[in-house]
């Protein structure tokens, strides 16, 4: 998990290439754990909800570009264009379709987006 997070931050503006399913989901798990811990600490310190919203907003903005890059590289790994990320804007089913795409196995051979990520 730590290696996947390191690669995530090392490639924070790399929209080319591929990311494996494991790389994607380890980063999502680390993000969830970080958010959970942040909320837990906020409850212990009895932080004002407005302050907490500002902190979460700053973190979300800081992780926006790296998360987009990771998602696009994940789509490249299943031989889909990064533009498929826009499917998420289709009401009701878009997010489900994108979720299913992230669960698909990697294309074993090299594809038009480069060799298989290791």
N, C-alpha and C. Protein backbone atom coordinates (compact mmCIF):
# COMPACT_ATOMS: atom_id res chain seq x y z
N UNK A 1 0.83 -1.19 0.00
CA UNK A 1 0.00 0.00 0.00
C UNK A 1 0.88 1.25 0.00
N UNK A 2 1.93 1.23 0.78
CA UNK A 2 2.79 2.40 0.88
C UNK A 2 3.44 2.69 -0.47
N UNK A 3 3.86 1.64 -1.18
CA UNK A 3 4.48 1.83 -2.49
C UNK A 3 3.48 2.43 -3.49
N UNK A 4 2.23 1.99 -3.45
CA UNK A 4 1.20 2.52 -4.35
C UNK A 4 0.96 4.01 -4.07
N UNK A 5 0.96 4.40 -2.81
CA UNK A 5 0.77 5.81 -2.47
C UNK A 5 1.98 6.64 -2.90
N UNK A 6 3.19 6.07 -2.77
CA UNK A 6 4.38 6.77 -3.24
C UNK A 6 4.31 7.01 -4.74
N UNK A 7 3.91 5.98 -5.49
CA UNK A 7 3.78 6.12 -6.95
C UNK A 7 2.69 7.14 -7.28
N UNK A 8 1.63 7.14 -6.51
CA UNK A 8 0.53 8.10 -6.70
C UNK A 8 1.04 9.54 -6.63
N UNK A 9 1.83 9.84 -5.61
CA UNK A 9 2.33 11.21 -5.46
C UNK A 9 3.51 11.50 -6.39
N UNK A 10 4.26 10.48 -6.76
CA UNK A 10 5.37 10.66 -7.69
C UNK A 10 4.85 10.99 -9.09
N UNK A 11 3.71 10.43 -9.48
CA UNK A 11 3.13 10.63 -10.80
C UNK A 11 1.91 11.55 -10.75
N UNK A 12 1.93 12.54 -9.88
CA UNK A 12 0.72 13.32 -9.65
C UNK A 12 0.24 14.13 -10.85
N UNK A 13 1.10 14.40 -11.82
CA UNK A 13 0.63 15.10 -13.02
C UNK A 13 0.84 14.27 -14.28
N UNK A 14 1.10 13.00 -14.13
CA UNK A 14 1.33 12.12 -15.27
C UNK A 14 -0.01 11.52 -15.72
N UNK A 15 -0.52 12.03 -16.83
CA UNK A 15 -1.79 11.55 -17.36
C UNK A 15 -1.58 10.49 -18.45
N UNK A 16 -0.35 10.09 -18.66
CA UNK A 16 -0.02 9.10 -19.68
C UNK A 16 0.45 7.83 -19.00
N UNK A 17 0.38 6.74 -19.73
CA UNK A 17 0.81 5.47 -19.18
C UNK A 17 -0.35 4.73 -18.55
N UNK A 18 0.00 3.79 -17.70
CA UNK A 18 -1.00 2.89 -17.12
C UNK A 18 -0.78 2.73 -15.63
N UNK A 19 -1.86 2.46 -14.90
CA UNK A 19 -1.81 2.12 -13.47
C UNK A 19 -2.60 0.84 -13.25
N UNK A 20 -2.05 -0.06 -12.50
CA UNK A 20 -2.72 -1.33 -12.27
C UNK A 20 -3.94 -1.17 -11.37
N UNK A 21 -4.75 -2.20 -11.37
CA UNK A 21 -5.93 -2.20 -10.51
C UNK A 21 -5.51 -2.10 -9.05
N UNK A 22 -4.44 -2.80 -8.68
CA UNK A 22 -3.95 -2.77 -7.30
C UNK A 22 -3.49 -1.37 -6.92
N UNK A 23 -2.74 -0.71 -7.81
CA UNK A 23 -2.29 0.66 -7.54
C UNK A 23 -3.48 1.56 -7.26
N UNK A 24 -4.50 1.46 -8.08
CA UNK A 24 -5.69 2.30 -7.94
C UNK A 24 -6.39 2.05 -6.61
N UNK A 25 -6.66 0.78 -6.31
CA UNK A 25 -7.45 0.48 -5.12
C UNK A 25 -6.68 0.66 -3.82
N UNK A 26 -5.35 0.48 -3.83
CA UNK A 26 -4.57 0.76 -2.63
C UNK A 26 -4.62 2.24 -2.30
N UNK A 27 -4.56 3.08 -3.33
CA UNK A 27 -4.63 4.53 -3.09
C UNK A 27 -6.03 4.90 -2.59
N UNK A 28 -7.07 4.29 -3.14
CA UNK A 28 -8.42 4.57 -2.68
C UNK A 28 -8.59 4.16 -1.21
N UNK A 29 -8.02 3.01 -0.84
CA UNK A 29 -8.09 2.55 0.55
C UNK A 29 -7.33 3.50 1.48
N UNK A 30 -6.14 3.91 1.06
CA UNK A 30 -5.35 4.84 1.87
C UNK A 30 -6.09 6.17 2.04
N UNK A 31 -6.73 6.62 0.98
CA UNK A 31 -7.51 7.87 1.03
C UNK A 31 -8.67 7.74 2.02
N UNK A 32 -9.35 6.60 1.97
CA UNK A 32 -10.47 6.36 2.90
C UNK A 32 -9.98 6.33 4.35
N UNK A 33 -8.89 5.63 4.59
CA UNK A 33 -8.34 5.54 5.95
C UNK A 33 -7.92 6.92 6.45
N UNK A 34 -7.26 7.70 5.58
CA UNK A 34 -6.85 9.05 5.96
C UNK A 34 -8.06 9.91 6.31
N UNK A 35 -9.11 9.85 5.50
CA UNK A 35 -10.32 10.61 5.77
C UNK A 35 -11.00 10.20 7.06
N UNK A 36 -11.04 8.89 7.30
CA UNK A 36 -11.63 8.39 8.53
C UNK A 36 -10.85 8.88 9.74
N UNK A 37 -9.53 8.80 9.67
CA UNK A 37 -8.68 9.26 10.78
C UNK A 37 -8.82 10.76 11.00
N UNK A 38 -8.90 11.51 9.90
CA UNK A 38 -9.08 12.95 10.00
C UNK A 38 -10.39 13.29 10.70
N UNK A 39 -11.46 12.60 10.35
CA UNK A 39 -12.75 12.81 11.01
C UNK A 39 -12.71 12.42 12.48
N UNK A 40 -12.01 11.34 12.77
CA UNK A 40 -11.89 10.89 14.16
C UNK A 40 -11.15 11.92 15.00
N UNK A 41 -10.04 12.45 14.47
CA UNK A 41 -9.27 13.48 15.18
C UNK A 41 -10.11 14.74 15.35
N UNK A 42 -10.87 15.10 14.32
CA UNK A 42 -11.72 16.29 14.42
C UNK A 42 -12.75 16.13 15.53
N UNK A 43 -13.29 14.91 15.68
CA UNK A 43 -14.26 14.66 16.75
C UNK A 43 -13.59 14.73 18.12
N UNK A 44 -12.38 14.18 18.22
CA UNK A 44 -11.66 14.24 19.50
C UNK A 44 -11.35 15.67 19.91
N UNK A 45 -10.97 16.50 18.93
CA UNK A 45 -10.62 17.89 19.21
C UNK A 45 -11.83 18.81 19.24
N UNK A 46 -12.99 18.24 18.91
CA UNK A 46 -14.25 19.00 18.88
C UNK A 46 -14.11 20.25 17.99
N UNK A 47 -13.60 20.02 16.77
CA UNK A 47 -13.42 21.12 15.82
C UNK A 47 -14.77 21.62 15.32
N UNK A 48 -14.81 22.89 15.04
CA UNK A 48 -15.99 23.52 14.46
C UNK A 48 -16.26 22.90 13.08
N UNK A 49 -17.52 22.58 12.75
CA UNK A 49 -17.81 21.98 11.43
C UNK A 49 -17.34 22.83 10.26
N UNK A 50 -17.42 24.16 10.39
CA UNK A 50 -16.96 25.02 9.30
C UNK A 50 -15.45 24.90 9.10
N UNK A 51 -14.72 24.82 10.18
CA UNK A 51 -13.27 24.64 10.10
C UNK A 51 -12.95 23.31 9.45
N UNK A 52 -13.66 22.28 9.86
CA UNK A 52 -13.43 20.95 9.30
C UNK A 52 -13.74 20.93 7.81
N UNK A 53 -14.80 21.61 7.39
CA UNK A 53 -15.14 21.66 5.97
C UNK A 53 -14.05 22.36 5.17
N UNK A 54 -13.45 23.41 5.75
CA UNK A 54 -12.37 24.10 5.06
C UNK A 54 -11.14 23.20 4.93
N UNK A 55 -10.81 22.47 5.98
CA UNK A 55 -9.66 21.56 5.94
C UNK A 55 -9.91 20.47 4.89
N UNK A 56 -11.10 19.88 4.89
CA UNK A 56 -11.43 18.85 3.91
C UNK A 56 -11.42 19.41 2.49
N UNK A 57 -11.88 20.64 2.32
CA UNK A 57 -11.87 21.28 1.00
C UNK A 57 -10.46 21.49 0.47
N UNK A 58 -9.56 21.92 1.34
CA UNK A 58 -8.16 22.13 0.94
C UNK A 58 -7.52 20.80 0.56
N UNK A 59 -7.79 19.76 1.33
CA UNK A 59 -7.24 18.44 1.03
C UNK A 59 -7.81 17.92 -0.29
N UNK A 60 -9.11 18.09 -0.49
CA UNK A 60 -9.74 17.64 -1.74
C UNK A 60 -9.15 18.36 -2.95
N UNK A 61 -8.93 19.66 -2.83
CA UNK A 61 -8.31 20.41 -3.93
C UNK A 61 -6.88 19.96 -4.18
N UNK A 62 -6.15 19.66 -3.12
CA UNK A 62 -4.76 19.21 -3.27
C UNK A 62 -4.68 17.85 -3.95
N UNK A 63 -5.67 17.01 -3.74
CA UNK A 63 -5.66 15.67 -4.32
C UNK A 63 -6.45 15.55 -5.62
N UNK A 64 -7.04 16.65 -6.09
CA UNK A 64 -7.87 16.59 -7.30
C UNK A 64 -7.07 16.17 -8.52
N UNK A 65 -6.00 16.86 -8.83
CA UNK A 65 -5.21 16.55 -10.03
C UNK A 65 -4.57 15.16 -9.92
N UNK A 66 -3.93 14.80 -8.81
CA UNK A 66 -3.37 13.44 -8.73
C UNK A 66 -4.43 12.35 -8.87
N UNK A 67 -5.62 12.57 -8.33
CA UNK A 67 -6.68 11.58 -8.43
C UNK A 67 -7.19 11.45 -9.86
N UNK A 68 -7.32 12.57 -10.56
CA UNK A 68 -7.71 12.52 -11.97
C UNK A 68 -6.67 11.78 -12.79
N UNK A 69 -5.39 12.07 -12.53
CA UNK A 69 -4.31 11.40 -13.27
C UNK A 69 -4.35 9.90 -13.01
N UNK A 70 -4.53 9.49 -11.77
CA UNK A 70 -4.59 8.07 -11.44
C UNK A 70 -5.78 7.40 -12.12
N UNK A 71 -6.93 8.04 -12.10
CA UNK A 71 -8.12 7.46 -12.73
C UNK A 71 -7.93 7.32 -14.24
N UNK A 72 -7.33 8.31 -14.85
CA UNK A 72 -7.09 8.24 -16.29
C UNK A 72 -6.10 7.13 -16.62
N UNK A 73 -5.04 7.02 -15.83
CA UNK A 73 -4.08 5.94 -16.06
C UNK A 73 -4.73 4.58 -15.85
N UNK A 74 -5.65 4.49 -14.89
CA UNK A 74 -6.38 3.22 -14.67
C UNK A 74 -7.23 2.88 -15.88
N UNK A 75 -7.90 3.87 -16.46
CA UNK A 75 -8.68 3.63 -17.67
C UNK A 75 -7.78 3.21 -18.83
N UNK A 76 -6.61 3.82 -18.92
CA UNK A 76 -5.65 3.42 -19.95
C UNK A 76 -5.26 1.96 -19.78
N UNK A 77 -5.18 1.48 -18.54
CA UNK A 77 -4.77 0.11 -18.28
C UNK A 77 -5.77 -0.90 -18.82
N UNK A 78 -7.03 -0.52 -18.92
CA UNK A 78 -8.04 -1.42 -19.49
C UNK A 78 -8.32 -1.06 -20.95
N UNK A 79 -7.41 -0.27 -21.53
CA UNK A 79 -7.46 0.11 -22.94
C UNK A 79 -8.65 1.01 -23.28
N UNK A 80 -8.97 1.91 -22.37
CA UNK A 80 -10.02 2.91 -22.59
C UNK A 80 -9.37 4.29 -22.55
N UNK A 81 -9.96 5.21 -23.28
CA UNK A 81 -9.47 6.59 -23.28
C UNK A 81 -9.78 7.24 -21.93
N UNK A 82 -8.95 8.21 -21.57
CA UNK A 82 -9.19 8.95 -20.34
C UNK A 82 -10.49 9.73 -20.37
N UNK A 83 -10.98 10.00 -21.56
CA UNK A 83 -12.24 10.72 -21.69
C UNK A 83 -13.42 9.92 -21.14
N UNK A 84 -13.25 8.61 -20.99
CA UNK A 84 -14.31 7.80 -20.39
C UNK A 84 -14.59 8.21 -18.95
N UNK A 85 -13.70 8.98 -18.35
CA UNK A 85 -13.92 9.48 -17.00
C UNK A 85 -15.16 10.36 -16.94
N UNK A 86 -15.51 10.98 -18.07
CA UNK A 86 -16.69 11.83 -18.12
C UNK A 86 -18.00 11.05 -18.01
N UNK A 87 -17.92 9.72 -18.12
CA UNK A 87 -19.12 8.88 -17.93
C UNK A 87 -19.72 9.12 -16.55
N UNK A 88 -18.90 9.51 -15.60
CA UNK A 88 -19.37 9.73 -14.24
C UNK A 88 -20.46 10.80 -14.17
N UNK A 89 -20.53 11.66 -15.18
CA UNK A 89 -21.53 12.73 -15.17
C UNK A 89 -22.91 12.27 -15.66
N UNK A 90 -23.02 11.02 -16.13
CA UNK A 90 -24.32 10.50 -16.53
C UNK A 90 -25.10 10.18 -15.25
N UNK A 91 -26.26 10.79 -15.08
CA UNK A 91 -27.02 10.56 -13.84
C UNK A 91 -27.36 9.09 -13.64
N UNK A 92 -27.35 8.67 -12.42
CA UNK A 92 -27.75 7.35 -11.94
C UNK A 92 -26.80 6.23 -12.32
N UNK A 93 -26.40 6.09 -13.57
CA UNK A 93 -25.61 4.93 -13.98
C UNK A 93 -24.15 5.25 -14.26
N UNK A 94 -23.80 6.50 -14.45
CA UNK A 94 -22.44 6.86 -14.82
C UNK A 94 -21.41 6.42 -13.80
N UNK A 95 -21.66 6.68 -12.54
CA UNK A 95 -20.74 6.30 -11.49
C UNK A 95 -20.61 4.79 -11.38
N UNK A 96 -21.71 4.09 -11.60
CA UNK A 96 -21.68 2.62 -11.54
C UNK A 96 -20.82 2.07 -12.67
N UNK A 97 -20.98 2.60 -13.87
CA UNK A 97 -20.19 2.14 -15.01
C UNK A 97 -18.71 2.41 -14.77
N UNK A 98 -18.39 3.59 -14.27
CA UNK A 98 -16.99 3.92 -14.00
C UNK A 98 -16.42 3.01 -12.90
N UNK A 99 -17.21 2.72 -11.90
CA UNK A 99 -16.79 1.79 -10.84
C UNK A 99 -16.47 0.42 -11.43
N UNK A 100 -17.33 -0.06 -12.32
CA UNK A 100 -17.10 -1.36 -12.96
C UNK A 100 -15.82 -1.32 -13.79
N UNK A 101 -15.58 -0.21 -14.49
CA UNK A 101 -14.34 -0.07 -15.26
C UNK A 101 -13.12 -0.21 -14.36
N UNK A 102 -13.17 0.36 -13.16
CA UNK A 102 -12.01 0.28 -12.27
C UNK A 102 -11.79 -1.13 -11.74
N UNK A 103 -12.82 -1.96 -11.79
CA UNK A 103 -12.71 -3.34 -11.32
C UNK A 103 -12.20 -4.31 -12.38
N UNK A 104 -12.24 -3.89 -13.64
CA UNK A 104 -11.82 -4.78 -14.73
C UNK A 104 -10.33 -5.09 -14.65
N UNK A 105 -9.94 -6.29 -15.05
CA UNK A 105 -8.52 -6.64 -15.02
C UNK A 105 -7.73 -5.89 -16.08
N UNK A 106 -6.44 -5.77 -15.85
CA UNK A 106 -5.55 -5.09 -16.78
C UNK A 106 -5.46 -5.85 -18.09
N UNK A 107 -5.22 -5.12 -19.17
CA UNK A 107 -4.93 -5.75 -20.44
C UNK A 107 -3.51 -6.29 -20.32
N UNK A 108 -3.36 -7.59 -20.49
CA UNK A 108 -2.07 -8.24 -20.25
C UNK A 108 -0.97 -7.74 -21.18
N UNK A 109 -1.27 -7.63 -22.43
CA UNK A 109 -0.27 -7.22 -23.42
C UNK A 109 -0.14 -5.69 -23.39
N UNK A 110 0.86 -5.19 -24.07
CA UNK A 110 0.95 -3.74 -24.23
C UNK A 110 -0.24 -3.26 -25.06
N UNK A 111 -0.68 -2.07 -24.82
CA UNK A 111 -1.77 -1.51 -25.61
C UNK A 111 -1.33 -0.15 -26.14
N UNK A 112 -2.25 0.62 -26.69
CA UNK A 112 -1.90 1.90 -27.30
C UNK A 112 -1.45 2.93 -26.26
N UNK A 113 -1.59 2.62 -24.98
CA UNK A 113 -1.18 3.55 -23.91
C UNK A 113 0.16 3.17 -23.28
N UNK A 114 0.78 2.14 -23.79
CA UNK A 114 2.09 1.76 -23.29
C UNK A 114 2.14 0.36 -22.77
N UNK A 115 3.31 -0.06 -22.29
CA UNK A 115 3.45 -1.41 -21.75
C UNK A 115 2.69 -1.55 -20.43
N UNK A 116 2.44 -2.76 -20.04
CA UNK A 116 1.73 -3.04 -18.80
C UNK A 116 2.50 -2.45 -17.62
N UNK A 117 1.79 -1.77 -16.72
CA UNK A 117 2.40 -1.20 -15.52
C UNK A 117 2.76 -2.31 -14.56
N UNK A 118 3.87 -2.18 -13.90
CA UNK A 118 4.31 -3.19 -12.93
C UNK A 118 4.16 -2.69 -11.53
